[in-house]
C-alpha atoms as a PDB file:
ATOM      1  CA  MET A   1     -28.024 177.985 110.492  1.00  0.00           C
ATOM      2  CA  THR A   2     -24.551 179.493 110.683  1.00  0.00           C
ATOM      3  CA  ASP A   3     -23.765 183.109 111.447  1.00  0.00           C
ATOM      4  CA  GLU A   4     -22.748 183.485 107.810  1.00  0.00           C
ATOM      5  CA  ASP A   5     -26.111 182.132 106.622  1.00  0.00           C
ATOM      6  CA  SER A   6     -27.912 184.417 109.037  1.00  0.00           C
ATOM      7  CA  ALA A   7     -25.965 187.445 107.799  1.00  0.00           C
ATOM      8  CA  ALA A   8     -26.697 186.500 104.184  1.00  0.00           C
ATOM      9  CA  ASN A   9     -30.409 186.212 104.988  1.00  0.00           C
ATOM     10  CA  GLU A  10     -30.358 189.622 106.687  1.00  0.00           C
ATOM     11  CA  ARG A  11     -28.621 191.184 103.672  1.00  0.00           C
ATOM     12  CA  GLN A  12     -31.177 189.592 101.340  1.00  0.00           C
ATOM     13  CA  GLN A  13     -34.066 190.927 103.443  1.00  0.00           C
ATOM     14  CA  ALA A  14     -32.506 194.399 103.430  1.00  0.00           C
ATOM     15  CA  ALA A  15     -32.111 194.229  99.645  1.00  0.00           C
ATOM     16  CA  ASP A  16     -35.745 193.143  99.274  1.00  0.00           C
ATOM     17  CA  ASP A  17     -36.888 196.021 101.509  1.00  0.00           C
ATOM     18  CA  LEU A  18     -34.827 198.521  99.521  1.00  0.00           C
ATOM     19  CA  PHE A  19     -36.241 197.137  96.270  1.00  0.00           C
ATOM     20  CA  ALA A  20     -39.740 197.820  97.607  1.00  0.00           C
ATOM     21  CA  VAL A  21     -38.692 201.436  98.207  1.00  0.00           C
ATOM     22  CA  LEU A  22     -37.419 201.627  94.613  1.00  0.00           C
ATOM     23  CA  GLN A  23     -40.787 200.417  93.364  1.00  0.00           C
ATOM     24  CA  ALA A  24     -42.530 203.097  95.427  1.00  0.00           C
ATOM     25  CA  ILE A  25     -40.233 205.787  94.009  1.00  0.00           C
ATOM     26  CA  ASP A  26     -40.917 204.530  90.480  1.00  0.00           C
ATOM     27  CA  ALA A  27     -44.656 204.848  91.147  1.00  0.00           C
ATOM     28  CA  VAL A  28     -44.400 208.573  91.980  1.00  0.00           C
ATOM     29  CA  ASP A  29     -46.170 210.783  89.441  1.00  0.00           C
ATOM     30  CA  LEU A  30     -43.549 213.354  88.458  1.00  0.00           C
ATOM     31  CA  ASN A  31     -46.106 215.673  86.862  1.00  0.00           C
ATOM     32  CA  GLY A  32     -46.432 218.813  88.908  1.00  0.00           C
ATOM     33  CA  LEU A  33     -43.216 218.311  90.858  1.00  0.00           C
ATOM     34  CA  GLU A  34     -40.611 221.039  90.860  1.00  0.00           C
ATOM     35  CA  PRO A  35     -37.374 220.261  88.955  1.00  0.00           C
ATOM     36  CA  ASP A  36     -35.378 220.278  92.210  1.00  0.00           C
ATOM     37  CA  ASP A  37     -37.809 217.765  93.717  1.00  0.00           C
ATOM     38  CA  ILE A  38     -37.444 215.490  90.695  1.00  0.00           C
ATOM     39  CA  ARG A  39     -33.640 215.681  90.924  1.00  0.00           C
ATOM     40  CA  THR A  40     -33.792 214.878  94.629  1.00  0.00           C
ATOM     41  CA  LEU A  41     -36.052 211.893  93.960  1.00  0.00           C
ATOM     42  CA  LEU A  42     -33.730 210.617  91.218  1.00  0.00           C
ATOM     43  CA  ASP A  43     -30.671 211.075  93.452  1.00  0.00           C
ATOM     44  CA  LEU A  44     -32.445 209.172  96.212  1.00  0.00           C
ATOM     45  CA  ARG A  45     -33.295 206.389  93.776  1.00  0.00           C
ATOM     46  CA  GLU A  46     -29.675 206.161  92.628  1.00  0.00           C
ATOM     47  CA  GLY A  47     -28.454 205.883  96.214  1.00  0.00           C
ATOM     48  CA  ILE A  48     -30.983 203.189  97.042  1.00  0.00           C
ATOM     49  CA  GLU A  49     -30.015 201.242  93.908  1.00  0.00           C
ATOM     50  CA  SER A  50     -26.391 201.359  95.065  1.00  0.00           C
ATOM     51  CA  LEU A  51     -27.336 200.148  98.547  1.00  0.00           C
ATOM     52  CA  THR A  52     -29.429 197.357  97.046  1.00  0.00           C
ATOM     53  CA  ARG A  53     -26.450 196.178  94.972  1.00  0.00           C
ATOM     54  CA  THR A  54     -24.260 196.328  98.073  1.00  0.00           C
ATOM     55  CA  TYR A  55     -26.633 194.137 100.063  1.00  0.00           C
ATOM     56  CA  ARG A  56     -27.140 191.681  97.206  1.00  0.00           C
ATOM     57  CA  THR A  57     -23.441 191.304  96.376  1.00  0.00           C
ATOM     58  CA  GLY A  58     -21.836 192.072  99.725  1.00  0.00           C
ATOM     59  CA  GLN A  59     -19.521 194.531  97.955  1.00  0.00           C
ATOM     60  CA  HIS A  60     -19.657 198.309  97.978  1.00  0.00           C
ATOM     61  CA  ASP A  61     -19.910 200.211  94.702  1.00  0.00           C
ATOM     62  CA  THR A  62     -16.868 202.198  93.678  1.00  0.00           C
ATOM     63  CA  PRO A  63     -16.778 205.320  91.507  1.00  0.00           C
ATOM     64  CA  GLN A  64     -15.444 203.184  88.641  1.00  0.00           C
ATOM     65  CA  ASP A  65     -18.514 200.914  88.631  1.00  0.00           C
ATOM     66  CA  GLY A  66     -21.155 203.577  89.076  1.00  0.00           C
ATOM     67  CA  GLY A  67     -21.090 204.127  92.815  1.00  0.00           C
ATOM     68  CA  ALA A  68     -21.131 207.463  94.549  1.00  0.00           C
ATOM     69  CA  GLN A  69     -17.852 209.289  94.870  1.00  0.00           C
END
């Protein structure tokens, strides 16, 4: 296995781990949470989605394609 293959496997594993976190966030019952807590959770989810895309594609999001500014 080349270094490039190894790096690709590590990125894929990181993306899979982040996806598991997204699933856990999606499972949170928002009933009873304060509005600020919900916003924080949604912001966290958005950031993790961006990281997941970065690891899957190897490219960082830019503000033009939905990434954080």
